[in-house]
Amino acid sequence: MTWADEWRKLVLGSSLRKGGDPFTSREFVEWYDRQLEHNGYPGILLDKVRSHLNKGSTVLDIGAGTGAFAIPLAQLVKEVMVVEPSPQMLARLGSKMNNLTNIHLINQRWEDVNIEEVGIHDMIIAAHSLYDIIDIETILKKMISAAKKHLYIIMGVGRSDFYADIWQHFKEEYHPPPSFIYAYNVLYEMGILADVEIVQTPRSQVYSGIGQAVKHWTARLDLPSEKEDQLRAFLRNRLKEREGLLYFEEKGQTAIIRYEKKC
């Protein structure tokens, strides 16, 4: 059994994969952006990445979401190429570009992208975008082939207490997707010894109100309508109100996996 096999098992058994898919919803994108803002994301992670870039650099951002890395990096480098499969995420990213003309958007999954189309870039970034990838070894090889100098993979460390609690209450024991250690060991089995740094990062939940929280978790857990009152009571008990918003404050850790190609 290889680490790539273990990764595959965790992806296929992940509770997130078995639940509903909210990523095609505009409302989910709005909620997603609120989480980033409240948690100060990408914060220190951005500092770690941009220390290796200059005005002549090009960056390929895989699974860029709404542009947490792409927007600020585009102000520092020559070009940012974005690969993002969600049209709604890309639409939100596009609305933030303003006068930036050096961000190029590709609405595809990384698995389906032609390397000749995206080209070779000084830095490849995949921030919290690999959790649903089944064939991780093939994907990593493709990322490395597109990297001229640096590969950055950013992933969570450990599981969310909130996710574990709500899944256990309504569905079953929570099974998280693969964490950073699996990606690191897949790279190691490929003959690549990467650097790893663990940093402290907040991962709090925040909602505009109980209605949004209920709607979000009804979709995420794929719950029937008759469970809505039970879900509402659960969330009211777990979430705290502050300044007109509902919060679940939680701290966590994030792993920064970095591989530098030798010329």
C-alpha atoms as a PDB file:
ATOM      1  CA  MET A   1       0.000   0.000   0.000  1.00  0.00           C
ATOM      2  CA  THR A   2       1.430   3.365  -1.036  1.00  0.00           C
ATOM      3  CA  TRP A   3       0.721   6.838   0.343  1.00  0.00           C
ATOM      4  CA  ALA A   4      -1.086   7.610  -2.922  1.00  0.00           C
ATOM      5  CA  ASP A   5      -3.375   4.636  -2.233  1.00  0.00           C
ATOM      6  CA  GLU A   6      -4.013   5.897   1.292  1.00  0.00           C
ATOM      7  CA  TRP A   7      -4.782   9.357  -0.081  1.00  0.00           C
ATOM      8  CA  ARG A   8      -7.303   7.856  -2.520  1.00  0.00           C
ATOM      9  CA  LYS A   9      -9.068   5.943   0.269  1.00  0.00           C
ATOM     10  CA  LEU A  10      -9.408   9.084   2.384  1.00  0.00           C
ATOM     11  CA  VAL A  11     -10.782  11.129  -0.512  1.00  0.00           C
ATOM     12  CA  LEU A  12     -13.365   8.513  -1.426  1.00  0.00           C
ATOM     13  CA  GLY A  13     -14.366   8.048   2.224  1.00  0.00           C
ATOM     14  CA  SER A  14     -14.449  11.743   3.106  1.00  0.00           C
ATOM     15  CA  SER A  15     -17.644  13.044   4.708  1.00  0.00           C
ATOM     16  CA  LEU A  16     -17.326  16.178   2.571  1.00  0.00           C
ATOM     17  CA  ARG A  17     -17.531  14.043  -0.568  1.00  0.00           C
ATOM     18  CA  LYS A  18     -20.667  12.269   0.701  1.00  0.00           C
ATOM     19  CA  GLY A  19     -22.472  15.474   1.642  1.00  0.00           C
ATOM     20  CA  GLY A  20     -24.137  18.013  -0.603  1.00  0.00           C
ATOM     21  CA  ASP A  21     -22.153  20.167  -3.028  1.00  0.00           C
ATOM     22  CA  PRO A  22     -22.747  23.881  -2.357  1.00  0.00           C
ATOM     23  CA  PHE A  23     -19.905  25.127  -4.548  1.00  0.00           C
ATOM     24  CA  THR A  24     -22.172  25.900  -7.505  1.00  0.00           C
ATOM     25  CA  SER A  25     -24.268  28.303  -5.438  1.00  0.00           C
ATOM     26  CA  ARG A  26     -23.757  32.070  -5.572  1.00  0.00           C
ATOM     27  CA  GLU A  27     -24.832  32.217  -1.938  1.00  0.00           C
ATOM     28  CA  PHE A  28     -22.087  29.775  -1.017  1.00  0.00           C
ATOM     29  CA  VAL A  29     -19.502  31.964  -2.760  1.00  0.00           C
ATOM     30  CA  GLU A  30     -20.692  34.974  -0.773  1.00  0.00           C
ATOM     31  CA  TRP A  31     -20.454  32.961   2.457  1.00  0.00           C
ATOM     32  CA  TYR A  32     -17.021  31.669   1.424  1.00  0.00           C
ATOM     33  CA  ASP A  33     -15.709  35.190   0.900  1.00  0.00           C
ATOM     34  CA  ARG A  34     -17.022  36.206   4.333  1.00  0.00           C
ATOM     35  CA  GLN A  35     -15.013  33.381   5.928  1.00  0.00           C
ATOM     36  CA  LEU A  36     -11.841  34.542   4.212  1.00  0.00           C
ATOM     37  CA  GLU A  37     -12.345  38.120   5.345  1.00  0.00           C
ATOM     38  CA  HIS A  38     -13.201  37.217   8.938  1.00  0.00           C
ATOM     39  CA  ASN A  39     -10.219  34.872   9.272  1.00  0.00           C
ATOM     40  CA  GLY A  40      -7.767  37.284   7.640  1.00  0.00           C
ATOM     41  CA  TYR A  41      -6.987  34.745   4.924  1.00  0.00           C
ATOM     42  CA  PRO A  42      -4.452  34.298   3.423  1.00  0.00           C
ATOM     43  CA  GLY A  43      -2.547  36.474   5.930  1.00  0.00           C
ATOM     44  CA  ILE A  44       0.827  34.998   6.859  1.00  0.00           C
ATOM     45  CA  LEU A  45       0.465  32.381   4.104  1.00  0.00           C
ATOM     46  CA  LEU A  46       0.643  35.121   1.478  1.00  0.00           C
ATOM     47  CA  ASP A  47       3.788  36.524   3.113  1.00  0.00           C
ATOM     48  CA  LYS A  48       5.481  33.126   2.872  1.00  0.00           C
ATOM     49  CA  VAL A  49       4.636  32.790  -0.821  1.00  0.00           C
ATOM     50  CA  ARG A  50       5.478  36.256  -2.081  1.00  0.00           C
ATOM     51  CA  SER A  51       8.937  36.267  -0.506  1.00  0.00           C
ATOM     52  CA  HIS A  52      10.068  34.189  -3.515  1.00  0.00           C
ATOM     53  CA  LEU A  53       8.505  36.414  -6.174  1.00  0.00           C
ATOM     54  CA  ASN A  54       9.450  39.606  -8.016  1.00  0.00           C
ATOM     55  CA  LYS A  55       8.035  41.863 -10.709  1.00  0.00           C
ATOM     56  CA  GLY A  56       9.204  39.516 -13.457  1.00  0.00           C
ATOM     57  CA  SER A  57       7.663  36.364 -11.955  1.00  0.00           C
ATOM     58  CA  THR A  58       4.706  34.405 -13.270  1.00  0.00           C
ATOM     59  CA  VAL A  59       2.368  32.389 -11.052  1.00  0.00           C
ATOM     60  CA  LEU A  60      -0.093  29.576 -11.732  1.00  0.00           C
ATOM     61  CA  ASP A  61      -2.827  29.422  -9.073  1.00  0.00           C
ATOM     62  CA  ILE A  62      -4.634  26.059  -9.117  1.00  0.00           C
ATOM     63  CA  GLY A  63      -8.075  26.117  -7.517  1.00  0.00           C
ATOM     64  CA  ALA A  64      -7.861  29.856  -6.968  1.00  0.00           C
ATOM     65  CA  GLY A  65     -11.371  30.267  -5.562  1.00  0.00           C
ATOM     66  CA  THR A  66     -12.316  33.937  -5.378  1.00  0.00           C
ATOM     67  CA  GLY A  67      -8.734  35.165  -5.677  1.00  0.00           C
ATOM     68  CA  ALA A  68      -7.339  35.235  -2.140  1.00  0.00           C
ATOM     69  CA  PHE A  69      -3.840  34.706  -3.544  1.00  0.00           C
ATOM     70  CA  ALA A  70      -4.348  35.673  -7.187  1.00  0.00           C
ATOM     71  CA  ILE A  71      -5.493  39.273  -6.588  1.00  0.00           C
ATOM     72  CA  PRO A  72      -2.671  40.424  -4.256  1.00  0.00           C
ATOM     73  CA  LEU A  73      -0.019  38.488  -6.177  1.00  0.00           C
ATOM     74  CA  ALA A  74      -1.083  40.059  -9.470  1.00  0.00           C
ATOM     75  CA  GLN A  75      -0.082  43.414  -7.991  1.00  0.00           C
ATOM     76  CA  LEU A  76       3.442  42.103  -7.411  1.00  0.00           C
ATOM     77  CA  VAL A  77       4.257  39.907 -10.400  1.00  0.00           C
ATOM     78  CA  LYS A  78       4.175  39.950 -14.188  1.00  0.00           C
ATOM     79  CA  GLU A  79       1.337  37.452 -14.669  1.00  0.00           C
ATOM     80  CA  VAL A  80      -1.037  35.229 -12.692  1.00  0.00           C
ATOM     81  CA  MET A  81      -2.711  32.327 -14.473  1.00  0.00           C
ATOM     82  CA  VAL A  82      -5.798  31.051 -12.626  1.00  0.00           C
ATOM     83  CA  VAL A  83      -7.283  27.577 -12.999  1.00  0.00           C
ATOM     84  CA  GLU A  84     -10.640  27.279 -11.217  1.00  0.00           C
ATOM     85  CA  PRO A  85     -13.469  24.825 -12.003  1.00  0.00           C
ATOM     86  CA  SER A  86     -16.329  26.819 -10.406  1.00  0.00           C
ATOM     87  CA  PRO A  87     -17.883  29.482 -12.681  1.00  0.00           C
ATOM     88  CA  GLN A  88     -19.342  31.216  -9.617  1.00  0.00           C
ATOM     89  CA  MET A  89     -15.941  31.451  -7.930  1.00  0.00           C
ATOM     90  CA  LEU A  90     -14.405  32.815 -11.128  1.00  0.00           C
ATOM     91  CA  ALA A  91     -17.186  35.383 -11.497  1.00  0.00           C
ATOM     92  CA  ARG A  92     -16.491  36.673  -7.991  1.00  0.00           C
ATOM     93  CA  LEU A  93     -12.746  36.748  -8.687  1.00  0.00           C
ATOM     94  CA  GLY A  94     -13.385  38.670 -11.902  1.00  0.00           C
ATOM     95  CA  SER A  95     -15.429  41.268 -10.030  1.00  0.00           C
ATOM     96  CA  LYS A  96     -12.406  41.956  -7.801  1.00  0.00           C
ATOM     97  CA  MET A  97      -9.878  42.431 -10.600  1.00  0.00           C
ATOM     98  CA  ASN A  98     -10.713  46.110 -11.167  1.00  0.00           C
ATOM     99  CA  ASN A  99      -7.858  47.477 -13.317  1.00  0.00           C
ATOM    100  CA  LEU A 100      -5.690  44.371 -13.107  1.00  0.00           C
ATOM    101  CA  THR A 101      -5.056  43.074 -16.605  1.00  0.00           C
ATOM    102  CA  ASN A 102      -2.401  40.472 -15.824  1.00  0.00           C
ATOM    103  CA  ILE A 103      -4.742  37.801 -14.420  1.00  0.00           C
ATOM    104  CA  HIS A 104      -5.815  35.156 -16.936  1.00  0.00           C
ATOM    105  CA  LEU A 105      -8.753  32.914 -16.046  1.00  0.00           C
ATOM    106  CA  ILE A 106      -9.234  29.280 -17.074  1.00  0.00           C
ATOM    107  CA  ASN A 107     -12.542  27.689 -16.066  1.00  0.00           C
ATOM    108  CA  GLN A 108     -11.434  24.066 -15.853  1.00  0.00           C
ATOM    109  CA  ARG A 109     -10.360  21.396 -13.415  1.00  0.00           C
ATOM    110  CA  TRP A 110      -6.593  21.067 -13.224  1.00  0.00           C
ATOM    111  CA  GLU A 111      -6.918  17.437 -14.331  1.00  0.00           C
ATOM    112  CA  ASP A 112      -8.360  18.603 -17.663  1.00  0.00           C
ATOM    113  CA  VAL A 113      -5.957  21.465 -18.368  1.00  0.00           C
ATOM    114  CA  ASN A 114      -3.447  21.161 -21.178  1.00  0.00           C
ATOM    115  CA  ILE A 115       0.017  22.121 -19.930  1.00  0.00           C
ATOM    116  CA  GLU A 116       0.804  23.706 -23.280  1.00  0.00           C
ATOM    117  CA  GLU A 117      -2.214  25.988 -22.766  1.00  0.00           C
ATOM    118  CA  VAL A 118      -1.141  27.294 -19.354  1.00  0.00           C
ATOM    119  CA  GLY A 119       2.611  27.228 -19.946  1.00  0.00           C
ATOM    120  CA  ILE A 120       5.470  26.973 -17.445  1.00  0.00           C
ATOM    121  CA  HIS A 121       5.484  29.342 -14.464  1.00  0.00           C
ATOM    122  CA  ASP A 122       7.971  30.424 -11.838  1.00  0.00           C
ATOM    123  CA  MET A 123       5.602  29.372  -9.069  1.00  0.00           C
ATOM    124  CA  ILE A 124       2.705  26.933  -8.822  1.00  0.00           C
ATOM    125  CA  ILE A 125       0.271  27.385  -5.911  1.00  0.00           C
ATOM    126  CA  ALA A 126      -2.437  24.975  -4.811  1.00  0.00           C
ATOM    127  CA  ALA A 127      -4.042  26.367  -1.640  1.00  0.00           C
ATOM    128  CA  HIS A 128      -6.702  24.123  -0.067  1.00  0.00           C
ATOM    129  CA  SER A 129      -7.667  22.867  -3.521  1.00  0.00           C
ATOM    130  CA  LEU A 130      -6.500  19.242  -3.593  1.00  0.00           C
ATOM    131  CA  TYR A 131      -8.839  17.626  -1.063  1.00  0.00           C
ATOM    132  CA  ASP A 132     -11.154  16.125  -3.698  1.00  0.00           C
ATOM    133  CA  ILE A 133      -8.427  14.915  -6.079  1.00  0.00           C
ATOM    134  CA  ILE A 134      -8.439  11.115  -6.355  1.00  0.00           C
ATOM    135  CA  ASP A 135      -5.324  10.468  -8.446  1.00  0.00           C
ATOM    136  CA  ILE A 136      -2.992  12.704  -6.442  1.00  0.00           C
ATOM    137  CA  GLU A 137       0.289  11.365  -7.847  1.00  0.00           C
ATOM    138  CA  THR A 138      -0.673  12.180 -11.436  1.00  0.00           C
ATOM    139  CA  ILE A 139      -1.824  15.647 -10.391  1.00  0.00           C
ATOM    140  CA  LEU A 140       1.377  16.375  -8.478  1.00  0.00           C
ATOM    141  CA  LYS A 141       3.519  15.264 -11.418  1.00  0.00           C
ATOM    142  CA  LYS A 142       1.564  17.614 -13.659  1.00  0.00           C
ATOM    143  CA  MET A 143       2.029  20.496 -11.216  1.00  0.00           C
ATOM    144  CA  ILE A 144       5.755  19.874 -10.985  1.00  0.00           C
ATOM    145  CA  SER A 145       6.061  19.764 -14.760  1.00  0.00           C
ATOM    146  CA  ALA A 146       4.471  23.239 -14.932  1.00  0.00           C
ATOM    147  CA  ALA A 147       6.743  24.701 -12.248  1.00  0.00           C
ATOM    148  CA  LYS A 148       9.946  26.449 -13.264  1.00  0.00           C
ATOM    149  CA  LYS A 149      11.153  27.192  -9.712  1.00  0.00           C
ATOM    150  CA  HIS A 150       8.691  26.756  -6.836  1.00  0.00           C
ATOM    151  CA  LEU A 151       5.754  24.545  -5.942  1.00  0.00           C
ATOM    152  CA  TYR A 152       3.571  25.554  -2.979  1.00  0.00           C
ATOM    153  CA  ILE A 153       0.884  23.266  -1.578  1.00  0.00           C
ATOM    154  CA  ILE A 154      -1.149  24.687   1.307  1.00  0.00           C
ATOM    155  CA  MET A 155      -3.305  22.293   3.327  1.00  0.00           C
ATOM    156  CA  GLY A 156      -5.000  21.978   6.676  1.00  0.00           C
ATOM    157  CA  VAL A 157      -3.569  20.249   9.728  1.00  0.00           C
ATOM    158  CA  GLY A 158      -5.986  18.192  11.796  1.00  0.00           C
ATOM    159  CA  ARG A 159      -9.760  18.290  11.633  1.00  0.00           C
ATOM    160  CA  SER A 160     -12.285  20.987  12.477  1.00  0.00           C
ATOM    161  CA  ASP A 161     -14.059  20.469  15.814  1.00  0.00           C
ATOM    162  CA  PHE A 162     -17.151  22.170  14.406  1.00  0.00           C
ATOM    163  CA  TYR A 163     -17.309  19.876  11.366  1.00  0.00           C
ATOM    164  CA  ALA A 164     -16.750  16.787  13.513  1.00  0.00           C
ATOM    165  CA  ASP A 165     -19.481  17.865  15.939  1.00  0.00           C
ATOM    166  CA  ILE A 166     -22.166  18.674  13.396  1.00  0.00           C
ATOM    167  CA  TRP A 167     -21.511  15.598  11.245  1.00  0.00           C
ATOM    168  CA  GLN A 168     -21.567  13.299  14.260  1.00  0.00           C
ATOM    169  CA  HIS A 169     -24.856  14.848  15.395  1.00  0.00           C
ATOM    170  CA  PHE A 170     -26.723  14.591  12.098  1.00  0.00           C
ATOM    171  CA  LYS A 171     -25.027  11.991   9.934  1.00  0.00           C
ATOM    172  CA  GLU A 172     -22.222   9.757  11.158  1.00  0.00           C
ATOM    173  CA  GLU A 173     -18.695   9.975  12.450  1.00  0.00           C
ATOM    174  CA  TYR A 174     -16.879  12.714  10.579  1.00  0.00           C
ATOM    175  CA  HIS A 175     -14.240  11.483   8.131  1.00  0.00           C
ATOM    176  CA  PRO A 176     -11.999  14.364   7.013  1.00  0.00           C
ATOM    177  CA  PRO A 177     -10.263  14.493   3.631  1.00  0.00           C
ATOM    178  CA  PRO A 178      -6.487  13.907   3.460  1.00  0.00           C
ATOM    179  CA  SER A 179      -4.309  16.299   5.428  1.00  0.00           C
ATOM    180  CA  PHE A 180      -0.910  17.675   4.488  1.00  0.00           C
ATOM    181  CA  ILE A 181       1.065  14.650   5.703  1.00  0.00           C
ATOM    182  CA  TYR A 182      -0.365  12.485   2.934  1.00  0.00           C
ATOM    183  CA  ALA A 183       0.589  14.976   0.215  1.00  0.00           C
ATOM    184  CA  TYR A 184       4.058  15.292   1.731  1.00  0.00           C
ATOM    185  CA  ASN A 185       4.566  11.525   1.774  1.00  0.00           C
ATOM    186  CA  VAL A 186       3.251  11.077  -1.760  1.00  0.00           C
ATOM    187  CA  LEU A 187       5.880  13.586  -2.873  1.00  0.00           C
ATOM    188  CA  TYR A 188       8.487  11.679  -0.843  1.00  0.00           C
ATOM    189  CA  GLU A 189       7.544   8.416  -2.568  1.00  0.00           C
ATOM    190  CA  MET A 190       7.981  10.261  -5.872  1.00  0.00           C
ATOM    191  CA  GLY A 191      11.553  11.069  -4.861  1.00  0.00           C
ATOM    192  CA  ILE A 192      10.806  14.661  -3.886  1.00  0.00           C
ATOM    193  CA  LEU A 193      11.904  15.894  -0.468  1.00  0.00           C
ATOM    194  CA  ALA A 194       9.862  19.021   0.208  1.00  0.00           C
ATOM    195  CA  ASP A 195      10.066  21.538   3.038  1.00  0.00           C
ATOM    196  CA  VAL A 196       7.139  21.809   5.468  1.00  0.00           C
ATOM    197  CA  GLU A 197       6.234  24.682   7.768  1.00  0.00           C
ATOM    198  CA  ILE A 198       3.269  24.655  10.160  1.00  0.00           C
ATOM    199  CA  VAL A 199       1.673  28.009  10.996  1.00  0.00           C
ATOM    200  CA  GLN A 200      -1.181  28.982  13.307  1.00  0.00           C
ATOM    201  CA  THR A 201      -4.275  30.121  11.409  1.00  0.00           C
ATOM    202  CA  PRO A 202      -7.874  30.864  12.461  1.00  0.00           C
ATOM    203  CA  ARG A 203     -10.652  28.835  10.842  1.00  0.00           C
ATOM    204  CA  SER A 204     -13.762  30.284  12.439  1.00  0.00           C
ATOM    205  CA  GLN A 205     -17.251  29.917  10.987  1.00  0.00           C
ATOM    206  CA  VAL A 206     -19.270  33.118  10.453  1.00  0.00           C
ATOM    207  CA  TYR A 207     -22.826  33.612   9.163  1.00  0.00           C
ATOM    208  CA  SER A 208     -25.012  36.636   8.475  1.00  0.00           C
ATOM    209  CA  GLY A 209     -27.795  35.069  10.554  1.00  0.00           C
ATOM    210  CA  ILE A 210     -29.420  31.822  11.601  1.00  0.00           C
ATOM    211  CA  GLY A 211     -31.256  31.565   8.282  1.00  0.00           C
ATOM    212  CA  GLN A 212     -28.023  31.520   6.312  1.00  0.00           C
ATOM    213  CA  ALA A 213     -26.433  29.052   8.719  1.00  0.00           C
ATOM    214  CA  VAL A 214     -29.393  26.667   8.437  1.00  0.00           C
ATOM    215  CA  LYS A 215     -29.486  26.912   4.639  1.00  0.00           C
ATOM    216  CA  HIS A 216     -25.738  26.377   4.369  1.00  0.00           C
ATOM    217  CA  TRP A 217     -25.664  23.270   6.550  1.00  0.00           C
ATOM    218  CA  THR A 218     -28.858  21.814   5.113  1.00  0.00           C
ATOM    219  CA  ALA A 219     -27.082  21.809   1.743  1.00  0.00           C
ATOM    220  CA  ARG A 220     -23.698  20.760   3.122  1.00  0.00           C
ATOM    221  CA  LEU A 221     -25.108  17.827   5.085  1.00  0.00           C
ATOM    222  CA  ASP A 222     -27.718  17.041   2.424  1.00  0.00           C
ATOM    223  CA  LEU A 223     -30.416  16.964   5.115  1.00  0.00           C
ATOM    224  CA  PRO A 224     -34.137  16.421   4.471  1.00  0.00           C
ATOM    225  CA  SER A 225     -36.461  19.336   5.223  1.00  0.00           C
ATOM    226  CA  GLU A 226     -37.917  17.629   8.299  1.00  0.00           C
ATOM    227  CA  LYS A 227     -34.505  17.960   9.990  1.00  0.00           C
ATOM    228  CA  GLU A 228     -34.453  21.756   9.627  1.00  0.00           C
ATOM    229  CA  ASP A 229     -35.855  22.570  13.075  1.00  0.00           C
ATOM    230  CA  GLN A 230     -33.371  20.216  14.726  1.00  0.00           C
ATOM    231  CA  LEU A 231     -30.528  21.781  12.754  1.00  0.00           C
ATOM    232  CA  ARG A 232     -31.665  25.280  13.695  1.00  0.00           C
ATOM    233  CA  ALA A 233     -31.661  24.370  17.390  1.00  0.00           C
ATOM    234  CA  PHE A 234     -28.214  22.790  17.083  1.00  0.00           C
ATOM    235  CA  LEU A 235     -26.762  25.887  15.411  1.00  0.00           C
ATOM    236  CA  ARG A 236     -28.354  28.290  17.880  1.00  0.00           C
ATOM    237  CA  ASN A 237     -26.685  26.319  20.656  1.00  0.00           C
ATOM    238  CA  ARG A 238     -23.245  26.308  18.999  1.00  0.00           C
ATOM    239  CA  LEU A 239     -23.020  29.758  17.391  1.00  0.00           C
ATOM    240  CA  LYS A 240     -22.409  32.983  19.286  1.00  0.00           C
ATOM    241  CA  GLU A 241     -23.774  36.373  18.227  1.00  0.00           C
ATOM    242  CA  ARG A 242     -21.509  39.391  17.874  1.00  0.00           C
ATOM    243  CA  GLU A 243     -22.035  42.652  15.986  1.00  0.00           C
ATOM    244  CA  GLY A 244     -25.051  41.265  14.162  1.00  0.00           C
ATOM    245  CA  LEU A 245     -23.301  38.096  12.957  1.00  0.00           C
ATOM    246  CA  LEU A 246     -23.171  34.502  14.197  1.00  0.00           C
ATOM    247  CA  TYR A 247     -19.785  32.911  14.908  1.00  0.00           C
ATOM    248  CA  PHE A 248     -18.120  29.686  15.848  1.00  0.00           C
ATOM    249  CA  GLU A 249     -14.611  30.699  16.862  1.00  0.00           C
ATOM    250  CA  GLU A 250     -11.990  28.050  16.165  1.00  0.00           C
ATOM    251  CA  LYS A 251      -8.225  28.075  15.838  1.00  0.00           C
ATOM    252  CA  GLY A 252      -6.259  25.722  13.668  1.00  0.00           C
ATOM    253  CA  GLN A 253      -3.023  25.074  11.881  1.00  0.00           C
ATOM    254  CA  THR A 254      -2.033  25.173   8.240  1.00  0.00           C
ATOM    255  CA  ALA A 255       0.838  23.372   6.538  1.00  0.00           C
ATOM    256  CA  ILE A 256       2.917  25.035   3.838  1.00  0.00           C
ATOM    257  CA  ILE A 257       4.617  22.438   1.670  1.00  0.00           C
ATOM    258  CA  ARG A 258       7.311  23.962  -0.535  1.00  0.00           C
ATOM    259  CA  TYR A 259       9.448  22.331  -3.177  1.00  0.00           C
ATOM    260  CA  GLU A 260      12.155  24.254  -4.994  1.00  0.00           C
ATOM    261  CA  LYS A 261      13.301  22.813  -8.298  1.00  0.00           C
ATOM    262  CA  LYS A 262      17.041  22.767  -8.796  1.00  0.00           C
ATOM    263  CA  CYS A 263      18.263  24.323 -12.005  1.00  0.00           C
END
